[in-house]
Amino acid sequence: MEKVNMDSLVVVLAELEKQGFTSQFEVHGNSMLSLKSANHYNADQLEVTHFYRFEGESNPEDSAIMYAIETYDKEKGTLVDGYGTAADTATSDFMRNVNNIHK
């Protein structure tokens, strides 16, 4: 397998899509919504198989974290959030409730 430079969000997203992480997720209230299937998931219904942090070179507001997620019913996708001052409070709160996180 060819080594891939995983230092940009776009590159990592493309690599994850090759691995089957084709859904996009958003947090809405106390659940996570799949934009592909319209299914809602609670924090205990998913596993974070990996996560990636990106830091802006010139602006801390460009900091982000991307989660590679697999749900209990085998839907695979990604969730992107800012972190630090750029974090979305609802997404950060939801992800703190996820117990099954791997690196």
N, C-alpha and C. Protein backbone atom coordinates (compact mmCIF):
# COMPACT_ATOMS: atom_id res chain seq x y z
N MET A 1 0.85 -1.19 0.00
CA MET A 1 0.00 0.00 0.00
C MET A 1 0.89 1.24 0.00
N GLU A 2 0.54 2.19 -0.83
CA GLU A 2 1.30 3.43 -0.94
C GLU A 2 1.10 4.28 0.31
N LYS A 3 2.20 4.83 0.83
CA LYS A 3 2.12 5.70 2.01
C LYS A 3 1.49 7.04 1.60
N VAL A 4 0.55 7.50 2.42
CA VAL A 4 -0.18 8.74 2.13
C VAL A 4 0.14 9.76 3.20
N ASN A 5 0.45 10.99 2.79
CA ASN A 5 0.69 12.08 3.73
C ASN A 5 -0.66 12.53 4.28
N MET A 6 -0.91 12.24 5.55
CA MET A 6 -2.22 12.48 6.16
C MET A 6 -2.26 13.80 6.93
N ASP A 7 -1.74 14.88 6.35
CA ASP A 7 -1.69 16.13 7.08
C ASP A 7 -2.75 17.14 6.66
N SER A 8 -3.63 16.77 5.74
CA SER A 8 -4.70 17.70 5.38
C SER A 8 -6.04 16.99 5.48
N LEU A 9 -7.04 17.73 5.88
CA LEU A 9 -8.38 17.18 6.06
C LEU A 9 -8.90 16.58 4.76
N VAL A 10 -8.65 17.22 3.64
CA VAL A 10 -9.15 16.75 2.34
C VAL A 10 -8.50 15.42 1.97
N VAL A 11 -7.19 15.28 2.23
CA VAL A 11 -6.48 14.04 1.92
C VAL A 11 -6.99 12.90 2.79
N VAL A 12 -7.15 13.16 4.08
CA VAL A 12 -7.64 12.12 5.00
C VAL A 12 -9.07 11.71 4.63
N LEU A 13 -9.91 12.69 4.31
CA LEU A 13 -11.29 12.38 3.92
C LEU A 13 -11.31 11.48 2.68
N ALA A 14 -10.50 11.79 1.70
CA ALA A 14 -10.45 10.97 0.48
C ALA A 14 -9.97 9.55 0.80
N GLU A 15 -8.99 9.42 1.67
CA GLU A 15 -8.48 8.10 2.05
C GLU A 15 -9.55 7.30 2.82
N LEU A 16 -10.26 7.96 3.72
CA LEU A 16 -11.32 7.29 4.46
C LEU A 16 -12.46 6.85 3.54
N GLU A 17 -12.79 7.67 2.55
CA GLU A 17 -13.83 7.28 1.60
C GLU A 17 -13.44 6.02 0.84
N LYS A 18 -12.15 5.87 0.50
CA LYS A 18 -11.67 4.65 -0.14
C LYS A 18 -11.86 3.44 0.77
N GLN A 19 -11.85 3.65 2.08
CA GLN A 19 -12.02 2.58 3.06
C GLN A 19 -13.48 2.34 3.42
N GLY A 20 -14.40 3.03 2.72
CA GLY A 20 -15.82 2.79 2.93
C GLY A 20 -16.53 3.77 3.85
N PHE A 21 -15.84 4.79 4.33
CA PHE A 21 -16.45 5.81 5.19
C PHE A 21 -17.09 6.88 4.30
N THR A 22 -18.23 6.55 3.72
CA THR A 22 -18.83 7.41 2.69
C THR A 22 -19.98 8.28 3.19
N SER A 23 -20.47 8.01 4.38
CA SER A 23 -21.55 8.85 4.94
C SER A 23 -20.97 10.07 5.63
N GLN A 24 -21.75 11.10 5.73
CA GLN A 24 -21.39 12.27 6.51
C GLN A 24 -22.40 12.38 7.65
N PHE A 25 -21.87 12.70 8.82
CA PHE A 25 -22.71 12.81 10.01
C PHE A 25 -22.71 14.23 10.54
N GLU A 26 -23.82 14.60 11.17
CA GLU A 26 -23.95 15.87 11.89
C GLU A 26 -24.64 15.58 13.21
N VAL A 27 -24.32 16.38 14.22
CA VAL A 27 -24.99 16.23 15.51
C VAL A 27 -26.18 17.18 15.55
N HIS A 28 -27.32 16.62 15.94
CA HIS A 28 -28.54 17.39 16.11
C HIS A 28 -29.11 17.06 17.49
N GLY A 29 -28.99 17.99 18.42
CA GLY A 29 -29.48 17.75 19.77
C GLY A 29 -28.72 16.64 20.44
N ASN A 30 -29.44 15.61 20.88
CA ASN A 30 -28.82 14.49 21.59
C ASN A 30 -28.52 13.31 20.70
N SER A 31 -28.56 13.49 19.38
CA SER A 31 -28.27 12.38 18.48
C SER A 31 -27.42 12.85 17.31
N MET A 32 -26.87 11.86 16.61
CA MET A 32 -26.07 12.11 15.43
C MET A 32 -26.90 11.67 14.23
N LEU A 33 -26.96 12.51 13.21
CA LEU A 33 -27.76 12.26 12.01
C LEU A 33 -26.84 11.90 10.85
N SER A 34 -27.22 10.85 10.12
CA SER A 34 -26.53 10.52 8.87
C SER A 34 -27.19 11.32 7.75
N LEU A 35 -26.40 12.10 7.04
CA LEU A 35 -26.94 12.86 5.91
C LEU A 35 -27.22 11.95 4.71
N LYS A 36 -26.65 10.75 4.72
CA LYS A 36 -26.85 9.80 3.62
C LYS A 36 -28.13 8.98 3.81
N SER A 37 -28.32 8.43 5.00
CA SER A 37 -29.45 7.52 5.24
C SER A 37 -30.59 8.16 6.04
N ALA A 38 -30.34 9.32 6.63
CA ALA A 38 -31.29 10.03 7.50
C ALA A 38 -31.54 9.29 8.81
N ASN A 39 -30.71 8.31 9.15
CA ASN A 39 -30.82 7.61 10.42
C ASN A 39 -30.23 8.46 11.54
N HIS A 40 -30.83 8.35 12.72
CA HIS A 40 -30.33 9.02 13.92
C HIS A 40 -29.67 7.98 14.82
N TYR A 41 -28.58 8.37 15.47
CA TYR A 41 -27.84 7.47 16.35
C TYR A 41 -27.54 8.15 17.67
N ASN A 42 -27.66 7.38 18.75
CA ASN A 42 -27.25 7.84 20.08
C ASN A 42 -25.76 7.54 20.25
N ALA A 43 -25.15 8.15 21.24
CA ALA A 43 -23.72 7.99 21.47
C ALA A 43 -23.33 6.53 21.72
N ASP A 44 -24.21 5.75 22.31
CA ASP A 44 -23.89 4.34 22.59
C ASP A 44 -24.12 3.43 21.39
N GLN A 45 -24.51 3.99 20.25
CA GLN A 45 -24.76 3.21 19.04
C GLN A 45 -23.66 3.37 18.00
N LEU A 46 -22.53 3.91 18.42
CA LEU A 46 -21.47 4.13 17.45
C LEU A 46 -20.10 3.88 18.06
N GLU A 47 -19.15 3.69 17.15
CA GLU A 47 -17.76 3.48 17.52
C GLU A 47 -16.91 4.44 16.68
N VAL A 48 -16.03 5.15 17.33
CA VAL A 48 -15.06 5.98 16.62
C VAL A 48 -13.85 5.09 16.39
N THR A 49 -13.64 4.71 15.12
CA THR A 49 -12.54 3.80 14.81
C THR A 49 -11.21 4.52 14.73
N HIS A 50 -11.24 5.80 14.46
CA HIS A 50 -10.03 6.61 14.41
C HIS A 50 -10.43 8.08 14.41
N PHE A 51 -9.52 8.93 14.83
CA PHE A 51 -9.77 10.36 14.73
C PHE A 51 -8.47 11.07 14.35
N TYR A 52 -8.62 12.21 13.72
CA TYR A 52 -7.49 12.98 13.19
C TYR A 52 -7.65 14.43 13.61
N ARG A 53 -6.57 15.02 14.09
CA ARG A 53 -6.58 16.45 14.46
C ARG A 53 -5.77 17.23 13.44
N PHE A 54 -6.28 18.39 13.10
CA PHE A 54 -5.62 19.27 12.15
C PHE A 54 -5.49 20.64 12.80
N GLU A 55 -4.30 21.22 12.72
CA GLU A 55 -4.08 22.54 13.30
C GLU A 55 -3.73 23.52 12.19
N GLY A 56 -4.40 24.66 12.22
CA GLY A 56 -4.12 25.70 11.24
C GLY A 56 -2.73 26.27 11.46
N GLU A 57 -1.98 26.43 10.38
CA GLU A 57 -0.61 26.93 10.51
C GLU A 57 -0.55 28.37 10.97
N SER A 58 -1.48 29.19 10.49
CA SER A 58 -1.40 30.61 10.82
C SER A 58 -2.56 31.09 11.68
N ASN A 59 -3.59 30.26 11.83
CA ASN A 59 -4.77 30.71 12.55
C ASN A 59 -5.33 29.57 13.40
N PRO A 60 -5.34 29.73 14.71
CA PRO A 60 -5.90 28.68 15.57
C PRO A 60 -7.37 28.37 15.29
N GLU A 61 -8.08 29.29 14.67
CA GLU A 61 -9.48 29.07 14.30
C GLU A 61 -9.62 27.98 13.24
N ASP A 62 -8.52 27.63 12.56
CA ASP A 62 -8.54 26.60 11.52
C ASP A 62 -8.37 25.20 12.10
N SER A 63 -8.33 25.05 13.41
CA SER A 63 -8.14 23.74 14.03
C SER A 63 -9.42 22.92 13.90
N ALA A 64 -9.25 21.64 13.56
CA ALA A 64 -10.41 20.76 13.38
C ALA A 64 -10.05 19.34 13.81
N ILE A 65 -11.07 18.56 14.07
CA ILE A 65 -10.93 17.14 14.34
C ILE A 65 -11.94 16.40 13.47
N MET A 66 -11.48 15.31 12.86
CA MET A 66 -12.36 14.48 12.05
C MET A 66 -12.42 13.09 12.68
N TYR A 67 -13.63 12.61 12.87
CA TYR A 67 -13.85 11.29 13.43
C TYR A 67 -14.26 10.32 12.31
N ALA A 68 -13.65 9.14 12.27
CA ALA A 68 -14.09 8.05 11.41
C ALA A 68 -15.01 7.18 12.27
N ILE A 69 -16.27 7.07 11.87
CA ILE A 69 -17.30 6.47 12.72
C ILE A 69 -17.95 5.28 12.03
N GLU A 70 -18.18 4.22 12.81
CA GLU A 70 -18.99 3.11 12.35
C GLU A 70 -20.14 2.93 13.34
N THR A 71 -21.35 2.86 12.82
CA THR A 71 -22.53 2.73 13.68
C THR A 71 -22.84 1.26 13.95
N TYR A 72 -23.74 1.02 14.89
CA TYR A 72 -24.11 -0.35 15.26
C TYR A 72 -24.70 -1.12 14.08
N ASP A 73 -25.29 -0.42 13.10
CA ASP A 73 -25.86 -1.09 11.94
C ASP A 73 -24.93 -1.03 10.73
N LYS A 74 -23.65 -0.78 11.01
CA LYS A 74 -22.54 -0.86 10.02
C LYS A 74 -22.47 0.29 9.02
N GLU A 75 -23.15 1.38 9.28
CA GLU A 75 -22.97 2.56 8.43
C GLU A 75 -21.64 3.20 8.82
N LYS A 76 -20.85 3.56 7.83
CA LYS A 76 -19.54 4.14 8.08
C LYS A 76 -19.47 5.54 7.46
N GLY A 77 -18.94 6.48 8.24
CA GLY A 77 -18.83 7.84 7.74
C GLY A 77 -17.95 8.69 8.62
N THR A 78 -17.99 9.99 8.37
CA THR A 78 -17.13 10.93 9.08
C THR A 78 -17.95 12.05 9.71
N LEU A 79 -17.39 12.59 10.77
CA LEU A 79 -17.95 13.75 11.46
C LEU A 79 -16.79 14.71 11.68
N VAL A 80 -16.96 15.95 11.27
CA VAL A 80 -15.90 16.96 11.41
C VAL A 80 -16.38 18.02 12.39
N ASP A 81 -15.48 18.42 13.27
CA ASP A 81 -15.78 19.48 14.24
C ASP A 81 -14.53 20.33 14.42
N GLY A 82 -14.71 21.57 14.77
CA GLY A 82 -13.59 22.39 15.18
C GLY A 82 -13.20 21.98 16.59
N TYR A 83 -12.03 22.38 17.04
CA TYR A 83 -11.75 22.19 18.46
C TYR A 83 -11.07 23.42 19.00
N GLY A 84 -11.05 23.50 20.31
CA GLY A 84 -10.61 24.74 20.94
C GLY A 84 -11.72 25.77 20.79
N THR A 85 -11.35 26.98 20.42
CA THR A 85 -12.34 28.04 20.27
C THR A 85 -13.27 27.82 19.10
N ALA A 86 -12.87 26.96 18.15
CA ALA A 86 -13.69 26.71 16.96
C ALA A 86 -14.68 25.56 17.15
N ALA A 87 -14.70 24.95 18.32
CA ALA A 87 -15.55 23.78 18.55
C ALA A 87 -17.03 24.15 18.54
N ASP A 88 -17.84 23.24 17.99
CA ASP A 88 -19.29 23.36 18.06
C ASP A 88 -19.71 22.71 19.37
N THR A 89 -20.34 23.44 20.24
CA THR A 89 -20.69 22.96 21.58
C THR A 89 -21.53 21.69 21.53
N ALA A 90 -22.54 21.63 20.67
CA ALA A 90 -23.41 20.45 20.60
C ALA A 90 -22.62 19.22 20.17
N THR A 91 -21.75 19.37 19.18
CA THR A 91 -20.96 18.24 18.71
C THR A 91 -19.96 17.80 19.77
N SER A 92 -19.29 18.74 20.40
CA SER A 92 -18.33 18.40 21.46
C SER A 92 -19.01 17.69 22.62
N ASP A 93 -20.18 18.18 23.03
CA ASP A 93 -20.93 17.55 24.12
C ASP A 93 -21.34 16.13 23.75
N PHE A 94 -21.83 15.95 22.53
CA PHE A 94 -22.24 14.62 22.07
C PHE A 94 -21.04 13.66 22.07
N MET A 95 -19.91 14.10 21.53
CA MET A 95 -18.75 13.22 21.41
C MET A 95 -18.17 12.86 22.78
N ARG A 96 -18.36 13.70 23.78
CA ARG A 96 -17.91 13.35 25.15
C ARG A 96 -18.70 12.17 25.70
N ASN A 97 -19.89 11.92 25.17
CA ASN A 97 -20.73 10.81 25.62
C ASN A 97 -20.43 9.49 24.90
N VAL A 98 -19.56 9.53 23.89
CA VAL A 98 -19.20 8.33 23.15
C VAL A 98 -18.11 7.60 23.96
N ASN A 99 -18.37 6.37 24.34
CA ASN A 99 -17.40 5.60 25.13
C ASN A 99 -16.49 4.74 24.28
N ASN A 100 -16.90 4.42 23.08
CA ASN A 100 -16.15 3.48 22.24
C ASN A 100 -15.32 4.27 21.22
N ILE A 101 -14.17 4.80 21.68
CA ILE A 101 -13.28 5.60 20.82
C ILE A 101 -11.91 4.93 20.78
N HIS A 102 -11.44 4.72 19.55
CA HIS A 102 -10.12 4.12 19.32
C HIS A 102 -9.26 5.10 18.53
N LYS A 103 -7.97 4.91 18.59
CA LYS A 103 -7.06 5.76 17.81
C LYS A 103 -6.47 4.99 16.69
